[in-house]
Amino acid sequence: MTAGVIHHAQARPEAIALRLGDKTLTYAELNERARRLSHVLFGLGVRRDDRVAVFLHNGLEFFEALHACGRLGAIAVPINAHFKADEAGWIVNDSGARVVVVDAELLVALNGVPDVARVVIGAQYEAAIAAAPASGEIDAPDVIGDGWPTSMAYTSGTTGRPKGVAIGAEDFRRRAAGVAAGGQLWKLGPDDVHLTVGPLYHSGPSYWSQMHLAFGGQVVVMKRWDAGGALSLIETYRVTTTHMVPANFQRLLALPPEQRGAHDLSSLNVVVHAAAPCPVELKRAFMGFVGADKVWEYYGASEGGGTVISPQEWLEHPGSVGKPFPGNEFVILDDDGNELATGEVGTVWVKPAESSFEYHNDPEKTAAQHRDGFFTVGDAGRLDDGGYLYLVDRKSDMVITGGVNVYPREIEDCLLNHTDVVDCAVLGVPDAEWGEVLYALVQARPGSGLDADGVMTWVRDHMADYKRPRIVEFVDEMPRDPNGKVRKPKLRDAYVTRNTPSQ
């Protein structure tokens, strides 16, 4: 890359790269701390293509760790900071990480991996940084580009353990070119200020933050999501771009009107969203709040590939996630691998611009999700006459009730049109008569008085009766993870456990 942290540290050393609360790092400071940390990791045995687990909450050290890995040609492995010992330990062991850069309060989750070196954020980390050589780079042959970091993301998955999405050096170079193309698409530059509201261990927030660093912008990091706090940061720092998920939209729109209207959001040029399906009416409402010309959407996966849709295109094709990024190809296939006609729902298969991925340590899963140069992550969707992609649901979320296929997402979209429904999730649970029945979790507007009969009646009045939830449970807050996703298999397991008689 012709840009990047090293480049901007030399060209614009005093420009602010990162901000979190009252702490900032200039490009020169970020570059120097990453350089010193690369010496620390090298001293712990990290070499090119080795893995370094990054087990951190949102913080400036996350970026230092990734860029230190980049200088060594090592591969960063971000770990969900909410994971407990069994989950985090499994990823560290499966990835073969030589070192873990870890927050002190997360150390307990690594008790099961005693043989991996730890670099602990706090006094130990700062002492190691200070003791590193005052100058000089590690001699790492063929380090890619500008010491730019690459990572191996572990997919959340719908069944079984998460899997690491492994890419090669050539693949990374193409993805680096994709960063450049993305920056050009959204006209990013050194005057941009990006607000990171999501967890950095997740690919989307991390990618967008890194893309702004590549182009010399400032990245304002939220330690944790807060709707009112996000609006305040946009106004205070004149934020120009941000990356969100639909759950963020919901929380912002749920603020009292006087609080939403109290902040100057005129600096905002681009709000891009992904990671979870966005109901049409929710997106329309959010466009009305921030400006219809500012809200972009993309669809992609850690495995690669992707689509994008501009605000103008979306208004002409509401509900679509767009057309493929240049170099990508999408096709809709049935279960036998036959291509389906326009408008027919099937499994979405992607031929990525870059060479395809492998699941780390899992050749069988890798083979199962590839076909003739295409891959799938199990999403169901359709294409319209113009080649725009519409997602229907995750194929694994499909419910078969009384022999009829039902996609919960369309029921969720229906429920979210109810003025008293703040959030919801619909899934299938076992039933002796029907095989499965639809189970709805609903977060109602406080004081609304909405009950289960009201939920069922609303769906029956707007959809076929077989799509009506047979079981409704109300929750104070929808159990979404920090990425904005509802983990339906876990909810299903919890329901089954609660409703299985003890022996």
Protein backbone atom coordinates (compact mmCIF):
# COMPACT_ATOMS: atom_id res chain seq x y z
CA MET A 1 0.00 0.00 0.00
CA THR A 2 1.17 3.55 -0.68
CA ALA A 3 -0.50 4.68 2.53
CA GLY A 4 -0.73 3.31 6.06
CA VAL A 5 0.43 4.08 9.58
CA ILE A 6 4.17 4.11 8.77
CA HIS A 7 3.56 6.40 5.80
CA HIS A 8 1.43 8.86 7.77
CA ALA A 9 3.82 8.76 10.73
CA GLN A 10 6.49 10.09 8.40
CA ALA A 11 4.31 12.50 6.40
CA ARG A 12 2.02 13.78 9.19
CA PRO A 13 3.57 12.73 12.50
CA GLU A 14 1.49 15.05 14.71
CA ALA A 15 -1.88 14.18 13.18
CA ILE A 16 -4.16 12.33 15.60
CA ALA A 17 -4.64 8.70 14.59
CA LEU A 18 -6.65 7.37 17.55
CA ARG A 19 -8.80 8.83 20.30
CA LEU A 20 -10.54 7.10 23.21
CA GLY A 21 -11.95 9.34 25.93
CA ASP A 22 -9.24 11.78 26.96
CA LYS A 23 -6.43 9.61 25.49
CA THR A 24 -5.01 10.14 22.00
CA LEU A 25 -2.23 8.71 19.88
CA THR A 26 -0.71 10.61 16.99
CA TYR A 27 0.43 8.70 13.93
CA ALA A 28 4.02 9.05 15.14
CA GLU A 29 3.11 7.68 18.58
CA LEU A 30 1.06 4.78 17.20
CA ASN A 31 3.86 3.91 14.80
CA GLU A 32 6.51 4.02 17.54
CA ARG A 33 4.53 1.95 20.03
CA ALA A 34 3.73 -0.66 17.35
CA ARG A 35 7.41 -0.79 16.38
CA ARG A 36 8.47 -1.33 20.00
CA LEU A 37 5.78 -3.96 20.55
CA SER A 38 7.00 -5.83 17.48
CA HIS A 39 10.37 -6.17 19.26
CA VAL A 40 8.60 -7.50 22.36
CA LEU A 41 6.71 -10.10 20.32
CA PHE A 42 9.86 -11.05 18.41
CA GLY A 43 11.64 -11.61 21.72
CA LEU A 44 8.84 -14.01 22.68
CA GLY A 45 9.44 -16.07 19.56
CA VAL A 46 6.93 -14.60 17.10
CA ARG A 47 8.03 -14.90 13.48
CA ARG A 48 6.45 -14.46 10.07
CA ASP A 49 3.13 -16.35 9.67
CA ASP A 50 2.95 -17.08 13.42
CA ARG A 51 -0.33 -16.34 15.22
CA VAL A 52 -0.72 -13.77 17.99
CA ALA A 53 -4.01 -13.87 19.89
CA VAL A 54 -5.45 -10.42 20.68
CA PHE A 55 -7.84 -10.77 23.61
CA LEU A 56 -8.79 -7.18 24.38
CA HIS A 57 -11.69 -4.90 25.04
CA ASN A 58 -11.90 -1.83 22.81
CA GLY A 59 -8.77 0.20 23.43
CA LEU A 60 -5.83 1.87 21.74
CA GLU A 61 -3.69 -1.19 22.47
CA PHE A 62 -5.79 -3.23 20.03
CA PHE A 63 -4.37 -1.19 17.15
CA GLU A 64 -0.85 -1.33 18.55
CA ALA A 65 -1.05 -5.12 18.69
CA LEU A 66 -2.35 -5.50 15.13
CA HIS A 67 0.25 -3.16 13.66
CA ALA A 68 3.04 -4.81 15.64
CA CYS A 69 1.98 -8.12 14.09
CA GLY A 70 2.00 -6.49 10.67
CA ARG A 71 5.60 -5.40 11.06
CA LEU A 72 6.56 -9.04 11.71
CA GLY A 73 4.39 -10.55 9.02
CA ALA A 74 2.59 -12.35 11.85
CA ILE A 75 -1.16 -13.00 11.90
CA ALA A 76 -3.35 -11.44 14.59
CA VAL A 77 -6.19 -13.57 15.97
CA PRO A 78 -8.83 -11.32 17.61
CA ILE A 79 -10.86 -13.05 20.34
CA ASN A 80 -14.29 -12.00 21.53
CA ALA A 81 -13.68 -10.19 24.82
CA HIS A 82 -16.88 -11.72 26.24
CA PHE A 83 -15.62 -15.28 25.83
CA LYS A 84 -15.08 -17.38 28.91
CA ALA A 85 -12.28 -19.86 29.56
CA ASP A 86 -13.57 -22.74 27.44
CA GLU A 87 -14.27 -20.50 24.43
CA ALA A 88 -11.18 -18.29 24.55
CA GLY A 89 -8.86 -21.15 25.45
CA TRP A 90 -10.12 -23.21 22.55
CA ILE A 91 -9.33 -20.43 20.03
CA VAL A 92 -5.85 -19.85 21.46
CA ASN A 93 -5.10 -23.57 21.24
CA ASP A 94 -6.75 -24.12 17.86
CA SER A 95 -4.99 -21.15 16.25
CA GLY A 96 -1.61 -22.24 17.61
CA ALA A 97 -0.97 -18.75 18.96
CA ARG A 98 2.55 -18.21 20.29
CA VAL A 99 1.58 -15.16 22.35
CA VAL A 100 -1.60 -13.63 23.74
CA VAL A 101 -1.91 -9.87 24.15
CA VAL A 102 -4.56 -9.70 26.86
CA ASP A 103 -6.40 -7.31 29.16
CA ALA A 104 -5.60 -7.99 32.81
CA GLU A 105 -9.25 -8.65 33.70
CA LEU A 106 -9.45 -11.32 30.98
CA LEU A 107 -6.45 -13.33 32.21
CA VAL A 108 -8.63 -15.75 34.13
CA ALA A 109 -10.06 -17.02 30.83
CA LEU A 110 -6.58 -18.23 29.85
CA ASN A 111 -6.04 -20.53 32.82
CA GLY A 112 -6.50 -23.53 30.54
CA VAL A 113 -3.63 -22.55 28.20
CA PRO A 114 -0.61 -22.35 30.53
CA ASP A 115 2.07 -22.75 27.84
CA VAL A 116 1.30 -19.59 25.83
CA ALA A 117 3.18 -16.39 26.67
CA ARG A 118 1.06 -13.45 27.79
CA VAL A 119 1.64 -9.75 27.26
CA VAL A 120 -0.70 -8.16 29.79
CA ILE A 121 -2.09 -4.67 29.26
CA GLY A 122 -1.11 -2.38 32.13
CA ALA A 123 2.19 -2.00 33.96
CA GLN A 124 3.78 -5.09 32.36
CA TYR A 125 2.84 -3.95 28.86
CA GLU A 126 4.12 -0.41 29.38
CA ALA A 127 7.38 -1.66 30.91
CA ALA A 128 7.94 -3.98 27.95
CA ILE A 129 7.25 -1.16 25.48
CA ALA A 130 9.66 1.14 27.32
CA ALA A 131 12.40 -1.51 27.44
CA ALA A 132 12.24 -2.26 23.70
CA PRO A 133 15.04 -0.93 21.45
CA ALA A 134 14.80 2.81 20.86
CA SER A 135 15.23 2.35 17.12
CA GLY A 136 15.41 -0.27 14.42
CA GLU A 137 13.04 -2.63 12.68
CA ILE A 138 12.82 -6.40 12.92
CA ASP A 139 14.28 -8.09 9.86
CA ALA A 140 11.22 -9.96 8.60
CA PRO A 141 11.63 -10.88 4.91
CA ASP A 142 8.69 -10.17 2.61
CA VAL A 143 6.64 -8.26 5.17
CA ILE A 144 3.58 -7.21 3.24
CA GLY A 145 3.29 -3.60 2.10
CA ASP A 146 3.59 -0.96 4.80
CA GLY A 147 3.75 -3.41 7.71
CA TRP A 148 -0.01 -3.59 7.30
CA PRO A 149 -1.72 -6.09 9.62
CA THR A 150 -3.61 -9.18 8.62
CA SER A 151 -5.77 -11.27 10.88
CA MET A 152 -7.44 -14.65 11.11
CA ALA A 153 -11.02 -14.08 12.21
CA TYR A 154 -12.91 -16.83 13.97
CA THR A 155 -16.42 -17.08 12.63
CA SER A 156 -19.23 -17.12 15.14
CA GLY A 157 -20.89 -19.97 13.25
CA THR A 158 -24.33 -21.43 13.84
CA THR A 159 -23.24 -24.89 14.95
CA GLY A 160 -20.19 -26.28 16.69
CA ARG A 161 -16.99 -24.43 17.52
CA PRO A 162 -15.96 -21.20 15.77
CA LYS A 163 -13.60 -21.73 12.85
CA GLY A 164 -10.60 -19.62 11.89
CA VAL A 165 -10.78 -18.14 8.40
CA ALA A 166 -7.24 -18.51 7.09
CA ILE A 167 -5.93 -16.54 4.12
CA GLY A 168 -2.59 -16.59 2.36
CA ALA A 169 -0.12 -13.84 1.55
CA GLU A 170 -1.34 -13.35 -2.04
CA ASP A 171 -4.92 -13.30 -0.81
CA PHE A 172 -3.96 -10.64 1.70
CA ARG A 173 -2.41 -8.43 -0.95
CA ARG A 174 -5.71 -8.52 -2.83
CA ARG A 175 -7.63 -7.69 0.31
CA ALA A 176 -5.28 -4.77 0.90
CA ALA A 177 -6.23 -3.63 -2.59
CA GLY A 178 -9.83 -3.94 -1.45
CA VAL A 179 -9.12 -1.53 1.41
CA ALA A 180 -7.83 0.94 -1.16
CA ALA A 181 -10.91 0.43 -3.33
CA GLY A 182 -13.23 0.92 -0.34
CA GLY A 183 -11.49 4.13 0.63
CA GLN A 184 -11.87 5.42 -2.90
CA LEU A 185 -15.55 4.41 -3.06
CA TRP A 186 -16.36 6.43 0.06
CA LYS A 187 -13.79 9.14 -0.78
CA LEU A 188 -11.95 8.72 2.52
CA GLY A 189 -9.00 10.92 3.37
CA PRO A 190 -7.00 12.60 6.15
CA ASP A 191 -9.87 14.96 7.00
CA ASP A 192 -12.21 12.11 7.91
CA VAL A 193 -13.10 11.32 11.50
CA HIS A 194 -14.47 7.81 12.01
CA LEU A 195 -16.50 6.74 15.05
CA THR A 196 -16.01 3.08 16.03
CA VAL A 197 -19.07 2.00 18.02
CA GLY A 198 -18.74 -1.79 17.76
CA PRO A 199 -16.31 -4.30 19.24
CA LEU A 200 -12.92 -4.24 17.54
CA TYR A 201 -12.58 -8.02 17.77
CA HIS A 202 -15.36 -8.15 15.17
CA SER A 203 -14.28 -7.90 11.53
CA GLY A 204 -16.55 -5.03 10.47
CA PRO A 205 -15.63 -2.39 13.08
CA SER A 206 -11.96 -3.38 12.90
CA TYR A 207 -11.87 -3.26 9.09
CA TRP A 208 -13.49 0.15 8.93
CA SER A 209 -11.20 1.57 11.59
CA GLN A 210 -8.14 0.22 9.79
CA MET A 211 -9.37 1.57 6.46
CA HIS A 212 -9.47 5.07 7.93
CA LEU A 213 -5.95 4.68 9.32
CA ALA A 214 -4.80 3.62 5.86
CA PHE A 215 -6.05 6.94 4.49
CA GLY A 216 -4.77 9.08 7.34
CA GLY A 217 -8.03 9.84 9.12
CA GLN A 218 -8.76 10.00 12.84
CA VAL A 219 -10.49 7.08 14.56
CA VAL A 220 -12.60 7.84 17.65
CA VAL A 221 -13.15 4.63 19.62
CA MET A 222 -16.04 3.98 21.99
CA LYS A 223 -15.07 1.72 24.88
CA ARG A 224 -18.62 0.38 24.82
CA TRP A 225 -21.78 1.28 22.92
CA ASP A 226 -24.05 3.97 24.30
CA ALA A 227 -26.62 5.59 22.03
CA GLY A 228 -26.61 9.01 23.66
CA GLY A 229 -22.83 8.93 23.97
CA ALA A 230 -22.46 8.18 20.26
CA LEU A 231 -24.48 11.28 19.33
CA SER A 232 -22.38 13.38 21.67
CA LEU A 233 -19.13 12.11 20.13
CA ILE A 234 -20.38 12.78 16.60
CA GLU A 235 -21.09 16.39 17.55
CA THR A 236 -17.94 16.97 19.64
CA TYR A 237 -15.41 15.56 17.19
CA ARG A 238 -17.26 16.38 13.97
CA VAL A 239 -17.42 12.74 13.01
CA THR A 240 -17.79 12.16 9.26
CA THR A 241 -18.24 8.36 9.08
CA THR A 242 -19.36 5.49 11.28
CA HIS A 243 -20.03 1.76 10.97
CA MET A 244 -23.12 0.37 12.70
CA VAL A 245 -25.47 -2.59 12.88
CA PRO A 246 -29.29 -2.40 12.87
CA ALA A 247 -29.38 -2.81 16.65
CA ASN A 248 -27.55 0.52 16.90
CA PHE A 249 -30.25 2.09 14.71
CA GLN A 250 -32.92 0.74 17.03
CA ARG A 251 -31.23 2.12 20.14
CA LEU A 252 -30.73 5.55 18.60
CA LEU A 253 -34.33 5.77 17.43
CA ALA A 254 -35.54 4.63 20.86
CA LEU A 255 -33.99 7.71 22.51
CA PRO A 256 -36.46 10.43 23.52
CA PRO A 257 -36.99 12.84 20.59
CA GLU A 258 -35.59 15.75 22.59
CA GLN A 259 -32.33 13.83 23.18
CA ARG A 260 -32.02 12.78 19.53
CA GLY A 261 -32.57 16.35 18.40
CA ALA A 262 -30.15 17.92 20.86
CA HIS A 263 -26.99 17.10 18.87
CA ASP A 264 -25.54 18.58 15.69
CA LEU A 265 -24.98 15.67 13.30
CA SER A 266 -24.34 17.79 10.21
CA SER A 267 -20.70 16.62 9.90
CA LEU A 268 -21.84 13.04 9.26
CA ASN A 269 -21.42 12.01 5.62
CA VAL A 270 -21.56 8.20 5.69
CA VAL A 271 -23.22 5.68 7.98
CA VAL A 272 -22.48 2.19 6.70
CA HIS A 273 -24.18 -0.86 8.17
CA ALA A 274 -23.92 -4.64 7.92
CA ALA A 275 -23.62 -7.80 10.07
CA ALA A 276 -27.35 -8.37 10.61
CA PRO A 277 -30.50 -8.02 8.48
CA CYS A 278 -32.09 -4.57 8.63
CA PRO A 279 -35.89 -4.38 8.37
CA VAL A 280 -37.03 -1.98 5.65
CA GLU A 281 -39.08 0.24 7.94
CA LEU A 282 -36.28 0.50 10.50
CA LYS A 283 -33.87 1.62 7.79
CA ARG A 284 -36.36 4.15 6.43
CA ALA A 285 -36.82 5.59 9.91
CA PHE A 286 -33.05 5.82 10.45
CA MET A 287 -32.59 7.49 7.08
CA GLY A 288 -35.17 10.01 8.15
CA PHE A 289 -33.13 10.70 11.29
CA VAL A 290 -29.60 11.10 9.88
CA GLY A 291 -30.38 11.89 6.24
CA ALA A 292 -31.51 9.61 3.44
CA ASP A 293 -28.36 10.23 1.39
CA LYS A 294 -25.95 9.05 4.10
CA VAL A 295 -26.90 5.43 4.84
CA TRP A 296 -24.98 2.77 2.92
CA GLU A 297 -25.21 -0.98 3.35
CA TYR A 298 -22.95 -3.88 2.50
CA TYR A 299 -23.10 -7.64 2.83
CA GLY A 300 -20.08 -9.82 3.32
CA ALA A 301 -18.44 -12.40 5.53
CA SER A 302 -15.08 -13.01 7.11
CA GLU A 303 -14.68 -15.64 4.40
CA GLY A 304 -14.67 -12.95 1.69
CA GLY A 305 -16.90 -11.63 -1.07
CA GLY A 306 -19.44 -8.91 -0.71
CA THR A 307 -22.07 -6.56 -2.07
CA VAL A 308 -22.70 -2.87 -1.54
CA ILE A 309 -25.70 -0.62 -2.08
CA SER A 310 -25.82 3.17 -2.05
CA PRO A 311 -28.64 5.10 -0.37
CA GLN A 312 -30.07 6.07 -3.74
CA GLU A 313 -30.04 2.48 -5.01
CA TRP A 314 -31.62 1.20 -1.82
CA LEU A 315 -34.52 3.65 -2.11
CA GLU A 316 -35.15 2.18 -5.58
CA HIS A 317 -34.64 -1.42 -4.35
CA PRO A 318 -35.75 -1.38 -0.69
CA GLY A 319 -34.64 -4.44 1.23
CA SER A 320 -31.76 -5.27 -1.10
CA VAL A 321 -28.16 -5.56 0.09
CA GLY A 322 -26.93 -4.49 -3.34
CA LYS A 323 -24.79 -5.73 -6.18
CA PRO A 324 -21.41 -7.49 -5.92
CA PHE A 325 -18.23 -5.55 -5.31
CA PRO A 326 -16.13 -5.48 -8.49
CA GLY A 327 -14.58 -8.86 -9.12
CA ASN A 328 -17.14 -10.80 -7.06
CA GLU A 329 -19.88 -13.00 -8.50
CA PHE A 330 -23.06 -14.25 -6.84
CA VAL A 331 -25.35 -17.10 -7.80
CA ILE A 332 -28.44 -18.67 -6.17
CA LEU A 333 -28.48 -22.48 -6.13
CA ASP A 334 -30.92 -25.12 -4.92
CA ASP A 335 -29.85 -27.99 -2.68
CA ASP A 336 -28.75 -30.05 -5.72
CA GLY A 337 -26.49 -27.29 -7.04
CA ASN A 338 -28.84 -26.13 -9.81
CA GLU A 339 -28.96 -22.41 -10.56
CA LEU A 340 -32.35 -20.90 -9.73
CA ALA A 341 -34.32 -18.44 -11.79
CA THR A 342 -34.58 -14.75 -10.94
CA GLY A 343 -36.73 -14.25 -7.87
CA GLU A 344 -36.43 -17.82 -6.59
CA VAL A 345 -35.07 -18.32 -3.08
CA GLY A 346 -32.09 -20.59 -2.59
CA THR A 347 -28.62 -20.68 -1.08
CA VAL A 348 -26.34 -17.73 -1.83
CA TRP A 349 -23.00 -18.79 -3.32
CA VAL A 350 -20.11 -16.36 -3.86
CA LYS A 351 -17.09 -16.41 -6.14
CA PRO A 352 -14.75 -13.91 -4.44
CA ALA A 353 -12.37 -11.53 -6.17
CA GLU A 354 -9.53 -12.94 -4.10
CA SER A 355 -8.56 -16.58 -3.99
CA SER A 356 -10.78 -18.45 -1.61
CA PHE A 357 -10.21 -19.13 2.09
CA GLU A 358 -9.65 -22.21 4.18
CA TYR A 359 -11.08 -23.01 7.59
CA HIS A 360 -8.09 -23.47 9.88
CA ASN A 361 -7.63 -27.12 10.90
CA ASP A 362 -10.89 -28.16 9.22
CA PRO A 363 -10.46 -29.41 5.63
CA GLU A 364 -13.85 -31.18 5.71
CA LYS A 365 -15.76 -27.98 6.47
CA THR A 366 -13.66 -26.12 3.93
CA ALA A 367 -14.59 -28.63 1.23
CA ALA A 368 -18.26 -28.67 2.22
CA GLN A 369 -18.61 -24.92 1.74
CA HIS A 370 -16.87 -24.74 -1.64
CA ARG A 371 -18.15 -25.68 -5.07
CA ASP A 372 -16.58 -24.90 -8.48
CA GLY A 373 -14.77 -21.80 -7.22
CA PHE A 374 -17.78 -20.58 -5.23
CA PHE A 375 -18.36 -20.72 -1.48
CA THR A 376 -21.36 -20.28 0.82
CA VAL A 377 -21.84 -19.33 4.47
CA GLY A 378 -25.39 -20.70 4.41
CA ASP A 379 -27.41 -17.57 3.72
CA ALA A 380 -30.66 -17.89 1.77
CA GLY A 381 -31.58 -15.21 -0.74
CA ARG A 382 -32.75 -14.25 -4.21
CA LEU A 383 -31.69 -12.00 -7.08
CA ASP A 384 -33.98 -9.56 -8.88
CA ASP A 385 -33.99 -8.68 -12.59
CA GLY A 386 -31.35 -6.00 -12.02
CA GLY A 387 -28.94 -8.36 -10.27
CA TYR A 388 -29.63 -6.95 -6.80
CA LEU A 389 -29.34 -9.44 -3.95
CA TYR A 390 -32.04 -9.83 -1.29
CA LEU A 391 -31.31 -11.94 1.79
CA VAL A 392 -34.15 -14.02 3.16
CA ASP A 393 -32.53 -15.63 6.21
CA ARG A 394 -29.74 -17.87 7.33
CA LYS A 395 -30.59 -21.26 5.88
CA SER A 396 -29.81 -22.81 9.25
CA ASP A 397 -32.47 -20.54 10.83
CA MET A 398 -35.22 -21.81 8.54
CA VAL A 399 -38.09 -23.47 10.41
CA ILE A 400 -40.12 -26.40 9.06
CA THR A 401 -43.51 -26.35 10.76
CA GLY A 402 -46.15 -28.84 9.65
CA GLY A 403 -44.03 -29.58 6.58
CA VAL A 404 -43.93 -25.92 5.48
CA ASN A 405 -40.70 -23.91 5.22
CA VAL A 406 -40.81 -20.61 7.13
CA TYR A 407 -38.08 -17.97 7.26
CA PRO A 408 -38.19 -16.25 10.66
CA ARG A 409 -36.74 -13.01 9.34
CA GLU A 410 -39.91 -12.04 7.50
CA ILE A 411 -41.91 -12.54 10.70
CA GLU A 412 -39.42 -10.41 12.61
CA ASP A 413 -39.79 -7.68 9.98
CA CYS A 414 -43.55 -7.88 10.38
CA LEU A 415 -43.37 -7.60 14.17
CA LEU A 416 -40.99 -4.63 14.02
CA ASN A 417 -43.68 -2.72 12.12
CA HIS A 418 -45.80 -2.86 15.29
CA THR A 419 -45.45 0.46 17.11
CA ASP A 420 -45.15 -1.30 20.49
CA VAL A 421 -42.35 -3.70 19.48
CA VAL A 422 -38.85 -2.39 20.16
CA ASP A 423 -36.96 -5.57 19.20
CA CYS A 424 -37.69 -9.23 18.55
CA ALA A 425 -36.35 -12.61 17.49
CA VAL A 426 -38.26 -15.56 16.02
CA LEU A 427 -36.97 -19.14 15.94
CA GLY A 428 -38.21 -22.68 15.73
CA VAL A 429 -38.53 -24.95 18.76
CA PRO A 430 -39.48 -28.66 18.88
CA ASP A 431 -43.16 -29.62 18.94
CA ALA A 432 -44.66 -33.12 19.04
CA GLU A 433 -47.48 -32.31 16.62
CA TRP A 434 -45.95 -29.83 14.17
CA GLY A 435 -42.29 -30.89 14.27
CA GLU A 436 -41.38 -27.30 15.04
CA VAL A 437 -43.40 -24.26 16.03
CA LEU A 438 -42.49 -20.60 15.93
CA TYR A 439 -41.30 -19.08 19.18
CA ALA A 440 -41.07 -15.28 19.42
CA LEU A 441 -39.07 -13.29 21.94
CA VAL A 442 -40.36 -9.74 22.08
CA GLN A 443 -39.04 -6.60 23.70
CA ALA A 444 -42.08 -4.34 24.05
CA ARG A 445 -42.19 -0.59 24.44
CA PRO A 446 -42.36 0.17 28.19
CA GLY A 447 -45.91 0.75 29.35
CA SER A 448 -47.44 -0.43 26.07
CA GLY A 449 -49.51 -3.26 27.54
CA LEU A 450 -48.69 -5.48 24.56
CA ASP A 451 -49.40 -9.13 25.35
CA ALA A 452 -48.96 -12.50 23.63
CA ASP A 453 -52.43 -12.39 22.05
CA GLY A 454 -51.62 -9.00 20.59
CA VAL A 455 -48.40 -10.32 19.06
CA MET A 456 -50.12 -13.36 17.54
CA THR A 457 -53.04 -11.30 16.23
CA TRP A 458 -50.71 -8.78 14.60
CA VAL A 459 -48.88 -11.49 12.67
CA ARG A 460 -52.08 -13.32 11.72
CA ASP A 461 -53.56 -10.06 10.40
CA HIS A 462 -50.52 -9.38 8.21
CA MET A 463 -49.22 -12.83 7.20
CA ALA A 464 -50.37 -16.36 6.48
CA ASP A 465 -51.62 -18.07 9.63
CA TYR A 466 -48.91 -20.74 9.55
CA LYS A 467 -46.36 -17.95 10.13
CA ARG A 468 -47.99 -16.96 13.41
CA PRO A 469 -45.84 -17.59 16.51
CA ARG A 470 -47.42 -20.21 18.75
CA ILE A 471 -45.26 -19.23 21.73
CA VAL A 472 -44.49 -15.64 22.78
CA GLU A 473 -42.11 -14.63 25.54
CA PHE A 474 -41.40 -11.04 26.59
CA VAL A 475 -37.91 -9.87 27.57
CA ASP A 476 -36.67 -6.61 29.08
CA GLU A 477 -33.90 -6.46 26.50
CA MET A 478 -33.23 -8.61 23.48
CA PRO A 479 -30.20 -10.86 24.10
CA ARG A 480 -28.05 -9.64 21.22
CA ASP A 481 -24.29 -10.04 21.28
CA PRO A 482 -22.01 -6.98 20.91
CA ASN A 483 -22.03 -7.51 17.12
CA GLY A 484 -25.79 -6.96 17.08
CA LYS A 485 -26.61 -10.59 16.33
CA VAL A 486 -29.05 -12.86 18.11
CA ARG A 487 -27.53 -16.30 18.62
CA LYS A 488 -30.62 -18.34 17.87
CA PRO A 489 -29.13 -21.79 18.50
CA LYS A 490 -28.33 -20.72 22.07
CA LEU A 491 -31.83 -19.34 22.57
CA ARG A 492 -33.29 -22.54 21.19
CA ASP A 493 -31.14 -24.68 23.49
CA ALA A 494 -32.15 -22.53 26.47
CA TYR A 495 -35.83 -22.93 25.60
CA VAL A 496 -35.53 -26.69 25.21
CA THR A 497 -33.67 -26.98 28.51
CA ARG A 498 -36.33 -24.97 30.35
CA ASN A 499 -39.13 -27.02 28.90
CA THR A 500 -37.68 -30.52 29.15
CA PRO A 501 -39.05 -32.39 32.17
CA SER A 502 -36.38 -33.62 34.56
CA GLN A 503 -36.02 -37.39 34.70
